[in-house]
Amino acid sequence: MEEYQHSKKARYLAAVVYLVILAVVLTGTYFSEQQKAEAKAQQSVDR
């Protein structure tokens, strides 16, 4: 039973790490898209 508790804890930790990495990637993608849209809008104004 103790082995099950250890594996449960390891799976939980792996899931949390995965979600943190996923959140970082999605946040970075969001900010990147915002910057691209901003640059495109600025380029349109400059012309």
Protein backbone atom coordinates (compact mmCIF):
# COMPACT_ATOMS: atom_id res chain seq x y z
CA MET A 1 0.00 0.00 0.00
CA GLU A 2 2.89 2.34 0.73
CA GLU A 3 4.20 1.90 -2.82
CA TYR A 4 0.82 3.02 -4.14
CA GLN A 5 0.98 6.17 -2.01
CA HIS A 6 4.46 6.96 -3.34
CA SER A 7 3.41 6.45 -6.95
CA LYS A 8 0.30 8.54 -6.36
CA LYS A 9 2.45 11.37 -5.02
CA ALA A 10 4.83 11.09 -7.99
CA ARG A 11 1.95 11.20 -10.49
CA TYR A 12 0.49 14.23 -8.73
CA LEU A 13 3.84 16.01 -8.81
CA ALA A 14 4.32 15.17 -12.50
CA ALA A 15 0.84 16.51 -13.29
CA VAL A 16 1.54 19.77 -11.46
CA VAL A 17 4.87 20.24 -13.24
CA TYR A 18 3.19 19.52 -16.59
CA LEU A 19 0.47 22.09 -15.91
CA VAL A 20 3.00 24.74 -14.89
CA ILE A 21 5.03 24.18 -18.07
CA LEU A 22 1.84 24.28 -20.17
CA ALA A 23 0.79 27.55 -18.52
CA VAL A 24 4.19 29.12 -19.25
CA VAL A 25 4.05 28.08 -22.91
CA LEU A 26 0.49 29.33 -23.39
CA THR A 27 1.23 32.63 -21.65
CA GLY A 28 4.32 33.15 -23.80
CA THR A 29 2.34 32.39 -26.94
CA TYR A 30 -0.37 34.84 -25.92
CA PHE A 31 2.10 37.65 -25.28
CA SER A 32 3.93 36.89 -28.53
CA GLU A 33 0.69 37.17 -30.51
CA GLN A 34 -0.13 40.43 -28.76
CA GLN A 35 3.27 41.87 -29.69
CA LYS A 36 2.88 40.76 -33.32
CA ALA A 37 -0.54 42.43 -33.55
CA GLU A 38 0.83 45.59 -31.95
CA ALA A 39 3.78 45.71 -34.34
CA LYS A 40 1.51 45.16 -37.32
CA ALA A 41 -0.81 47.96 -36.19
CA GLN A 42 2.16 50.30 -35.67
CA GLN A 43 3.52 49.43 -39.11
CA SER A 44 0.14 50.30 -40.66
CA VAL A 45 0.16 53.67 -38.90
CA ASP A 46 3.71 54.45 -40.06
CA ARG A 47 2.84 54.00 -43.74
